[in-house]
Amino acid sequence: MDVTFSESVPMGGTYANGALVWNTPHEFTVDFTSHRSPTHDGDAHDVLVVARMKIPTSAMFRIVQAMSANIDRYEQQHGRITPGPPKEET
């Protein structure tokens, strides 16, 4: 497959550590987010939307299948993924 990147897509990618997902009867919308450090009061978190994708429902089904297969392969190679917040680097 010959893949071409749009000039607006950063070649190094864009970091996201969260996602918000909703749908209509015709498409899914996925906002990829970057959760920044807690605010000064320690309670609220700043969330920055770094990318928004609008995906037809038929394509979303195939994407979820591909993600599931990739997660299975990842866990076979590297061990089980445990859900939870990312660990703070020190």
PDB file of N, CA and C in Angstrom:
ATOM      1  N   MET A   1       0.846  -1.175   0.000  1.00  0.00           N
ATOM      2  CA  MET A   1       0.000   0.000   0.000  1.00  0.00           C
ATOM      3  C   MET A   1       0.891   1.238   0.000  1.00  0.00           C
ATOM      4  N   ASP A   2       0.598   2.167  -0.861  1.00  0.00           N
ATOM      5  CA  ASP A   2       1.337   3.416  -0.930  1.00  0.00           C
ATOM      6  C   ASP A   2       0.617   4.447  -0.071  1.00  0.00           C
ATOM      7  N   VAL A   3       1.248   4.886   1.006  1.00  0.00           N
ATOM      8  CA  VAL A   3       0.634   5.831   1.945  1.00  0.00           C
ATOM      9  C   VAL A   3       1.288   7.185   1.783  1.00  0.00           C
ATOM     10  N   THR A   4       0.485   8.211   1.655  1.00  0.00           N
ATOM     11  CA  THR A   4       0.967   9.583   1.557  1.00  0.00           C
ATOM     12  C   THR A   4       0.411  10.377   2.728  1.00  0.00           C
ATOM     13  N   PHE A   5       1.259  11.180   3.355  1.00  0.00           N
ATOM     14  CA  PHE A   5       0.827  12.001   4.474  1.00  0.00           C
ATOM     15  C   PHE A   5       0.501  13.410   4.005  1.00  0.00           C
ATOM     16  N   SER A   6      -0.591  13.950   4.510  1.00  0.00           N
ATOM     17  CA  SER A   6      -0.923  15.345   4.278  1.00  0.00           C
ATOM     18  C   SER A   6       0.136  16.214   4.952  1.00  0.00           C
ATOM     19  N   GLU A   7       0.384  17.388   4.396  1.00  0.00           N
ATOM     20  CA  GLU A   7       1.368  18.287   4.997  1.00  0.00           C
ATOM     21  C   GLU A   7       0.973  18.704   6.410  1.00  0.00           C
ATOM     22  N   SER A   8      -0.326  18.636   6.736  1.00  0.00           N
ATOM     23  CA  SER A   8      -0.780  19.060   8.065  1.00  0.00           C
ATOM     24  C   SER A   8      -0.598  17.979   9.128  1.00  0.00           C
ATOM     25  N   VAL A   9      -0.198  16.763   8.725  1.00  0.00           N
ATOM     26  CA  VAL A   9       0.005  15.675   9.679  1.00  0.00           C
ATOM     27  C   VAL A   9       1.459  15.668  10.115  1.00  0.00           C
ATOM     28  N   PRO A  10       1.722  15.856  11.425  1.00  0.00           N
ATOM     29  CA  PRO A  10       3.117  15.831  11.874  1.00  0.00           C
ATOM     30  C   PRO A  10       3.728  14.443  11.688  1.00  0.00           C
ATOM     31  N   MET A  11       4.896  14.372  11.084  1.00  0.00           N
ATOM     32  CA  MET A  11       5.529  13.088  10.791  1.00  0.00           C
ATOM     33  C   MET A  11       5.839  12.293  12.052  1.00  0.00           C
ATOM     34  N   GLY A  12       6.091  12.960  13.166  1.00  0.00           N
ATOM     35  CA  GLY A  12       6.365  12.266  14.417  1.00  0.00           C
ATOM     36  C   GLY A  12       5.107  11.855  15.153  1.00  0.00           C
ATOM     37  N   GLY A  13       3.955  12.215  14.614  1.00  0.00           N
ATOM     38  CA  GLY A  13       2.700  11.893  15.273  1.00  0.00           C
ATOM     39  C   GLY A  13       2.314  12.947  16.300  1.00  0.00           C
ATOM     40  N   THR A  14       1.163  12.760  16.892  1.00  0.00           N
ATOM     41  CA  THR A  14       0.657  13.640  17.942  1.00  0.00           C
ATOM     42  C   THR A  14       0.324  12.780  19.139  1.00  0.00           C
ATOM     43  N   TYR A  15       0.848  13.134  20.313  1.00  0.00           N
ATOM     44  CA  TYR A  15       0.624  12.342  21.522  1.00  0.00           C
ATOM     45  C   TYR A  15      -0.796  12.546  22.038  1.00  0.00           C
ATOM     46  N   ALA A  16      -1.459  11.444  22.368  1.00  0.00           N
ATOM     47  CA  ALA A  16      -2.774  11.476  23.003  1.00  0.00           C
ATOM     48  C   ALA A  16      -2.811  10.387  24.063  1.00  0.00           C
ATOM     49  N   ASN A  17      -3.343  10.717  25.235  1.00  0.00           N
ATOM     50  CA  ASN A  17      -3.465   9.713  26.286  1.00  0.00           C
ATOM     51  C   ASN A  17      -4.921   9.537  26.717  1.00  0.00           C
ATOM     52  N   GLY A  18      -5.833   9.966  25.862  1.00  0.00           N
ATOM     53  CA  GLY A  18      -7.250   9.779  26.148  1.00  0.00           C
ATOM     54  C   GLY A  18      -8.064   9.981  24.884  1.00  0.00           C
ATOM     55  N   ALA A  19      -9.331   9.625  24.950  1.00  0.00           N
ATOM     56  CA  ALA A  19     -10.217   9.816  23.806  1.00  0.00           C
ATOM     57  C   ALA A  19     -11.648   9.968  24.306  1.00  0.00           C
ATOM     58  N   LEU A  20     -12.397  10.802  23.625  1.00  0.00           N
ATOM     59  CA  LEU A  20     -13.830  10.960  23.853  1.00  0.00           C
ATOM     60  C   LEU A  20     -14.517  10.475  22.589  1.00  0.00           C
ATOM     61  N   VAL A  21     -15.540   9.629  22.732  1.00  0.00           N
ATOM     62  CA  VAL A  21     -16.177   9.018  21.568  1.00  0.00           C
ATOM     63  C   VAL A  21     -17.687   9.204  21.664  1.00  0.00           C
ATOM     64  N   TRP A  22     -18.303   9.593  20.558  1.00  0.00           N
ATOM     65  CA  TRP A  22     -19.754   9.604  20.479  1.00  0.00           C
ATOM     66  C   TRP A  22     -20.149   9.302  19.047  1.00  0.00           C
ATOM     67  N   ASN A  23     -21.447   9.067  18.825  1.00  0.00           N
ATOM     68  CA  ASN A  23     -21.865   8.668  17.491  1.00  0.00           C
ATOM     69  C   ASN A  23     -23.228   9.210  17.125  1.00  0.00           C
ATOM     70  N   THR A  24     -23.453   9.242  15.819  1.00  0.00           N
ATOM     71  CA  THR A  24     -24.765   9.472  15.228  1.00  0.00           C
ATOM     72  C   THR A  24     -25.110   8.171  14.506  1.00  0.00           C
ATOM     73  N   PRO A  25     -26.267   8.089  13.886  1.00  0.00           N
ATOM     74  CA  PRO A  25     -26.570   6.866  13.134  1.00  0.00           C
ATOM     75  C   PRO A  25     -25.609   6.617  11.966  1.00  0.00           C
ATOM     76  N   HIS A  26     -24.859   7.640  11.542  1.00  0.00           N
ATOM     77  CA  HIS A  26     -24.044   7.516  10.336  1.00  0.00           C
ATOM     78  C   HIS A  26     -22.547   7.540  10.563  1.00  0.00           C
ATOM     79  N   GLU A  27     -22.108   8.052  11.724  1.00  0.00           N
ATOM     80  CA  GLU A  27     -20.667   8.173  11.939  1.00  0.00           C
ATOM     81  C   GLU A  27     -20.321   8.213  13.420  1.00  0.00           C
ATOM     82  N   PHE A  28     -19.074   7.890  13.697  1.00  0.00           N
ATOM     83  CA  PHE A  28     -18.506   8.047  15.028  1.00  0.00           C
ATOM     84  C   PHE A  28     -17.592   9.270  14.995  1.00  0.00           C
ATOM     85  N   THR A  29     -17.570   9.995  16.087  1.00  0.00           N
ATOM     86  CA  THR A  29     -16.612  11.085  16.255  1.00  0.00           C
ATOM     87  C   THR A  29     -15.707  10.696  17.407  1.00  0.00           C
ATOM     88  N   VAL A  30     -14.398  10.789  17.173  1.00  0.00           N
ATOM     89  CA  VAL A  30     -13.416  10.478  18.203  1.00  0.00           C
ATOM     90  C   VAL A  30     -12.540  11.712  18.388  1.00  0.00           C
ATOM     91  N   ASP A  31     -12.585  12.285  19.582  1.00  0.00           N
ATOM     92  CA  ASP A  31     -11.666  13.357  19.944  1.00  0.00           C
ATOM     93  C   ASP A  31     -10.527  12.733  20.719  1.00  0.00           C
ATOM     94  N   PHE A  32      -9.330  12.784  20.153  1.00  0.00           N
ATOM     95  CA  PHE A  32      -8.142  12.310  20.860  1.00  0.00           C
ATOM     96  C   PHE A  32      -7.655  13.449  21.738  1.00  0.00           C
ATOM     97  N   THR A  33      -7.378  13.144  23.002  1.00  0.00           N
ATOM     98  CA  THR A  33      -7.067  14.184  23.971  1.00  0.00           C
ATOM     99  C   THR A  33      -5.721  13.954  24.638  1.00  0.00           C
ATOM    100  N   SER A  34      -5.174  15.041  25.126  1.00  0.00           N
ATOM    101  CA  SER A  34      -3.976  14.986  25.938  1.00  0.00           C
ATOM    102  C   SER A  34      -4.343  15.598  27.282  1.00  0.00           C
ATOM    103  N   HIS A  35      -4.278  14.778  28.324  1.00  0.00           N
ATOM    104  CA  HIS A  35      -4.591  15.231  29.670  1.00  0.00           C
ATOM    105  C   HIS A  35      -3.314  15.781  30.274  1.00  0.00           C
ATOM    106  N   ARG A  36      -3.346  17.062  30.564  1.00  0.00           N
ATOM    107  CA  ARG A  36      -2.161  17.690  31.122  1.00  0.00           C
ATOM    108  C   ARG A  36      -2.207  17.598  32.639  1.00  0.00           C
ATOM    109  N   SER A  37      -1.201  18.130  33.281  1.00  0.00           N
ATOM    110  CA  SER A  37      -1.068  18.009  34.733  1.00  0.00           C
ATOM    111  C   SER A  37      -2.232  18.665  35.470  1.00  0.00           C
ATOM    112  N   PRO A  38      -2.468  18.256  36.729  1.00  0.00           N
ATOM    113  CA  PRO A  38      -3.549  18.857  37.513  1.00  0.00           C
ATOM    114  C   PRO A  38      -3.342  20.358  37.660  1.00  0.00           C
ATOM    115  N   THR A  39      -4.442  21.072  37.832  1.00  0.00           N
ATOM    116  CA  THR A  39      -4.361  22.514  38.053  1.00  0.00           C
ATOM    117  C   THR A  39      -3.856  22.795  39.458  1.00  0.00           C
ATOM    118  N   HIS A  40      -3.685  24.052  39.788  1.00  0.00           N
ATOM    119  CA  HIS A  40      -3.098  24.439  41.071  1.00  0.00           C
ATOM    120  C   HIS A  40      -3.865  23.908  42.278  1.00  0.00           C
ATOM    121  N   ASP A  41      -5.187  23.665  42.143  1.00  0.00           N
ATOM    122  CA  ASP A  41      -5.945  23.147  43.289  1.00  0.00           C
ATOM    123  C   ASP A  41      -5.853  21.628  43.406  1.00  0.00           C
ATOM    124  N   GLY A  42      -5.232  20.991  42.393  1.00  0.00           N
ATOM    125  CA  GLY A  42      -5.016  19.552  42.465  1.00  0.00           C
ATOM    126  C   GLY A  42      -6.215  18.713  42.086  1.00  0.00           C
ATOM    127  N   ASP A  43      -7.352  19.342  41.770  1.00  0.00           N
ATOM    128  CA  ASP A  43      -8.562  18.579  41.481  1.00  0.00           C
ATOM    129  C   ASP A  43      -8.828  18.423  39.983  1.00  0.00           C
ATOM    130  N   ALA A  44      -8.897  19.523  39.293  1.00  0.00           N
ATOM    131  CA  ALA A  44      -9.282  19.479  37.885  1.00  0.00           C
ATOM    132  C   ALA A  44      -8.066  19.218  37.005  1.00  0.00           C
ATOM    133  N   HIS A  45      -8.310  18.647  35.857  1.00  0.00           N
ATOM    134  CA  HIS A  45      -7.258  18.407  34.885  1.00  0.00           C
ATOM    135  C   HIS A  45      -7.581  19.195  33.614  1.00  0.00           C
ATOM    136  N   ASP A  46      -6.563  19.750  33.021  1.00  0.00           N
ATOM    137  CA  ASP A  46      -6.727  20.391  31.721  1.00  0.00           C
ATOM    138  C   ASP A  46      -6.732  19.298  30.668  1.00  0.00           C
ATOM    139  N   VAL A  47      -7.689  19.351  29.765  1.00  0.00           N
ATOM    140  CA  VAL A  47      -7.766  18.384  28.674  1.00  0.00           C
ATOM    141  C   VAL A  47      -7.712  19.162  27.373  1.00  0.00           C
ATOM    142  N   LEU A  48      -6.776  18.792  26.524  1.00  0.00           N
ATOM    143  CA  LEU A  48      -6.594  19.440  25.242  1.00  0.00           C
ATOM    144  C   LEU A  48      -6.952  18.445  24.146  1.00  0.00           C
ATOM    145  N   VAL A  49      -7.871  18.809  23.255  1.00  0.00           N
ATOM    146  CA  VAL A  49      -8.175  17.961  22.103  1.00  0.00           C
ATOM    147  C   VAL A  49      -7.071  18.180  21.080  1.00  0.00           C
ATOM    148  N   VAL A  50      -6.349  17.101  20.747  1.00  0.00           N
ATOM    149  CA  VAL A  50      -5.222  17.206  19.816  1.00  0.00           C
ATOM    150  C   VAL A  50      -5.581  16.749  18.405  1.00  0.00           C
ATOM    151  N   ALA A  51      -6.697  16.020  18.264  1.00  0.00           N
ATOM    152  CA  ALA A  51      -7.153  15.600  16.933  1.00  0.00           C
ATOM    153  C   ALA A  51      -8.609  15.162  17.029  1.00  0.00           C
ATOM    154  N   ARG A  52      -9.365  15.414  15.981  1.00  0.00           N
ATOM    155  CA  ARG A  52     -10.754  14.941  15.893  1.00  0.00           C
ATOM    156  C   ARG A  52     -10.896  14.153  14.602  1.00  0.00           C
ATOM    157  N   MET A  53     -11.449  12.947  14.735  1.00  0.00           N
ATOM    158  CA  MET A  53     -11.684  12.094  13.573  1.00  0.00           C
ATOM    159  C   MET A  53     -13.179  11.816  13.468  1.00  0.00           C
ATOM    160  N   LYS A  54     -13.727  11.946  12.273  1.00  0.00           N
ATOM    161  CA  LYS A  54     -15.110  11.559  11.995  1.00  0.00           C
ATOM    162  C   LYS A  54     -15.030  10.330  11.098  1.00  0.00           C
ATOM    163  N   ILE A  55     -15.610   9.229  11.572  1.00  0.00           N
ATOM    164  CA  ILE A  55     -15.409   7.931  10.929  1.00  0.00           C
ATOM    165  C   ILE A  55     -16.765   7.296  10.624  1.00  0.00           C
ATOM    166  N   PRO A  56     -17.009   6.866   9.373  1.00  0.00           N
ATOM    167  CA  PRO A  56     -18.266   6.178   9.057  1.00  0.00           C
ATOM    168  C   PRO A  56     -18.401   4.912   9.902  1.00  0.00           C
ATOM    169  N   THR A  57     -19.634   4.567  10.254  1.00  0.00           N
ATOM    170  CA  THR A  57     -19.852   3.414  11.131  1.00  0.00           C
ATOM    171  C   THR A  57     -19.251   2.138  10.574  1.00  0.00           C
ATOM    172  N   SER A  58     -19.341   1.924   9.257  1.00  0.00           N
ATOM    173  CA  SER A  58     -18.785   0.689   8.681  1.00  0.00           C
ATOM    174  C   SER A  58     -17.270   0.653   8.835  1.00  0.00           C
ATOM    175  N   ALA A  59     -16.609   1.782   8.703  1.00  0.00           N
ATOM    176  CA  ALA A  59     -15.155   1.828   8.879  1.00  0.00           C
ATOM    177  C   ALA A  59     -14.792   1.649  10.347  1.00  0.00           C
ATOM    178  N   MET A  60     -15.596   2.189  11.250  1.00  0.00           N
ATOM    179  CA  MET A  60     -15.296   2.064  12.685  1.00  0.00           C
ATOM    180  C   MET A  60     -15.309   0.597  13.100  1.00  0.00           C
ATOM    181  N   PHE A  61     -16.222  -0.184  12.554  1.00  0.00           N
ATOM    182  CA  PHE A  61     -16.270  -1.607  12.876  1.00  0.00           C
ATOM    183  C   PHE A  61     -14.947  -2.273  12.504  1.00  0.00           C
ATOM    184  N   ARG A  62     -14.429  -1.971  11.311  1.00  0.00           N
ATOM    185  CA  ARG A  62     -13.155  -2.561  10.874  1.00  0.00           C
ATOM    186  C   ARG A  62     -11.990  -2.047  11.712  1.00  0.00           C
ATOM    187  N   ILE A  63     -12.028  -0.792  12.113  1.00  0.00           N
ATOM    188  CA  ILE A  63     -10.968  -0.231  12.952  1.00  0.00           C
ATOM    189  C   ILE A  63     -10.933  -0.936  14.308  1.00  0.00           C
ATOM    190  N   VAL A  64     -12.091  -1.145  14.906  1.00  0.00           N
ATOM    191  CA  VAL A  64     -12.150  -1.829  16.208  1.00  0.00           C
ATOM    192  C   VAL A  64     -11.635  -3.261  16.075  1.00  0.00           C
ATOM    193  N   GLN A  65     -11.985  -3.954  15.002  1.00  0.00           N
ATOM    194  CA  GLN A  65     -11.464  -5.308  14.776  1.00  0.00           C
ATOM    195  C   GLN A  65      -9.941  -5.284  14.667  1.00  0.00           C
ATOM    196  N   ALA A  66      -9.397  -4.345  13.906  1.00  0.00           N
ATOM    197  CA  ALA A  66      -7.950  -4.257  13.732  1.00  0.00           C
ATOM    198  C   ALA A  66      -7.258  -3.911  15.049  1.00  0.00           C
ATOM    199  N   MET A  67      -7.842  -3.004  15.826  1.00  0.00           N
ATOM    200  CA  MET A  67      -7.260  -2.643  17.121  1.00  0.00           C
ATOM    201  C   MET A  67      -7.260  -3.845  18.062  1.00  0.00           C
ATOM    202  N   SER A  68      -8.343  -4.599  18.073  1.00  0.00           N
ATOM    203  CA  SER A  68      -8.432  -5.782  18.926  1.00  0.00           C
ATOM    204  C   SER A  68      -7.360  -6.802  18.551  1.00  0.00           C
ATOM    205  N   ALA A  69      -7.191  -7.035  17.258  1.00  0.00           N
ATOM    206  CA  ALA A  69      -6.170  -7.986  16.807  1.00  0.00           C
ATOM    207  C   ALA A  69      -4.775  -7.500  17.191  1.00  0.00           C
ATOM    208  N   ASN A  70      -4.526  -6.198  17.070  1.00  0.00           N
ATOM    209  CA  ASN A  70      -3.221  -5.648  17.434  1.00  0.00           C
ATOM    210  C   ASN A  70      -2.973  -5.712  18.936  1.00  0.00           C
ATOM    211  N   ILE A  71      -3.998  -5.497  19.734  1.00  0.00           N
ATOM    212  CA  ILE A  71      -3.852  -5.613  21.190  1.00  0.00           C
ATOM    213  C   ILE A  71      -3.526  -7.060  21.556  1.00  0.00           C
ATOM    214  N   ASP A  72      -4.203  -8.015  20.922  1.00  0.00           N
ATOM    215  CA  ASP A  72      -3.896  -9.430  21.173  1.00  0.00           C
ATOM    216  C   ASP A  72      -2.433  -9.735  20.869  1.00  0.00           C
ATOM    217  N   ARG A  73      -1.934  -9.277  19.713  1.00  0.00           N
ATOM    218  CA  ARG A  73      -0.532  -9.507  19.355  1.00  0.00           C
ATOM    219  C   ARG A  73       0.415  -8.818  20.342  1.00  0.00           C
ATOM    220  N   TYR A  74       0.076  -7.606  20.741  1.00  0.00           N
ATOM    221  CA  TYR A  74       0.908  -6.875  21.703  1.00  0.00           C
ATOM    222  C   TYR A  74       1.016  -7.659  23.006  1.00  0.00           C
ATOM    223  N   GLU A  75      -0.131  -8.125  23.519  1.00  0.00           N
ATOM    224  CA  GLU A  75      -0.135  -8.847  24.796  1.00  0.00           C
ATOM    225  C   GLU A  75       0.600 -10.180  24.690  1.00  0.00           C
ATOM    226  N   GLN A  76       0.566 -10.829  23.542  1.00  0.00           N
ATOM    227  CA  GLN A  76       1.335 -12.056  23.363  1.00  0.00           C
ATOM    228  C   GLN A  76       2.831 -11.782  23.435  1.00  0.00           C
ATOM    229  N   GLN A  77       3.259 -10.642  22.925  1.00  0.00           N
ATOM    230  CA  GLN A  77       4.683 -10.305  22.906  1.00  0.00           C
ATOM    231  C   GLN A  77       5.166  -9.652  24.195  1.00  0.00           C
ATOM    232  N   HIS A  78       4.326  -8.819  24.812  1.00  0.00           N
ATOM    233  CA  HIS A  78       4.791  -7.964  25.910  1.00  0.00           C
ATOM    234  C   HIS A  78       4.069  -8.179  27.238  1.00  0.00           C
ATOM    235  N   GLY A  79       3.056  -9.013  27.261  1.00  0.00           N
ATOM    236  CA  GLY A  79       2.286  -9.224  28.482  1.00  0.00           C
ATOM    237  C   GLY A  79       1.006  -8.406  28.504  1.00  0.00           C
ATOM    238  N   ARG A  80       0.187  -8.732  29.462  1.00  0.00           N
ATOM    239  CA  ARG A  80      -1.140  -8.137  29.571  1.00  0.00           C
ATOM    240  C   ARG A  80      -1.070  -6.629  29.813  1.00  0.00           C
ATOM    241  N   ILE A  81      -1.951  -5.914  29.121  1.00  0.00           N
ATOM    242  CA  ILE A  81      -2.101  -4.478  29.337  1.00  0.00           C
ATOM    243  C   ILE A  81      -3.063  -4.293  30.505  1.00  0.00           C
ATOM    244  N   THR A  82      -2.643  -3.546  31.503  1.00  0.00           N
ATOM    245  CA  THR A  82      -3.533  -3.278  32.635  1.00  0.00           C
ATOM    246  C   THR A  82      -4.080  -1.870  32.514  1.00  0.00           C
ATOM    247  N   PRO A  83      -5.399  -1.731  32.477  1.00  0.00           N
ATOM    248  CA  PRO A  83      -6.003  -0.401  32.366  1.00  0.00           C
ATOM    249  C   PRO A  83      -5.658   0.455  33.585  1.00  0.00           C
ATOM    250  N   GLY A  84      -5.567   1.711  33.370  1.00  0.00           N
ATOM    251  CA  GLY A  84      -5.301   2.622  34.482  1.00  0.00           C
ATOM    252  C   GLY A  84      -4.551   3.846  33.990  1.00  0.00           C
ATOM    253  N   PRO A  85      -4.404   4.816  34.863  1.00  0.00           N
ATOM    254  CA  PRO A  85      -3.692   6.024  34.460  1.00  0.00           C
ATOM    255  C   PRO A  85      -2.217   5.735  34.214  1.00  0.00           C
ATOM    256  N   PRO A  86      -1.591   6.506  33.319  1.00  0.00           N
ATOM    257  CA  PRO A  86      -0.158   6.283  33.084  1.00  0.00           C
ATOM    258  C   PRO A  86       0.643   6.600  34.328  1.00  0.00           C
ATOM    259  N   LYS A  87       1.723   5.856  34.516  1.00  0.00           N
ATOM    260  CA  LYS A  87       2.583   6.085  35.684  1.00  0.00           C
ATOM    261  C   LYS A  87       3.389   7.341  35.474  1.00  0.00           C
ATOM    262  N   GLU A  88       3.565   8.105  36.541  1.00  0.00           N
ATOM    263  CA  GLU A  88       4.351   9.323  36.480  1.00  0.00           C
ATOM    264  C   GLU A  88       5.820   8.971  36.313  1.00  0.00           C
ATOM    265  N   GLU A  89       6.503   9.647  35.402  1.00  0.00           N
ATOM    266  CA  GLU A  89       7.927   9.445  35.241  1.00  0.00           C
ATOM    267  C   GLU A  89       8.669  10.306  36.250  1.00  0.00           C
ATOM    268  N   THR A  90       9.696   9.750  36.857  1.00  0.00           N
ATOM    269  CA  THR A  90      10.467  10.520  37.829  1.00  0.00           C
ATOM    270  C   THR A  90      11.854  10.782  37.336  1.00  0.00           C
TER     271      THR A  90
END
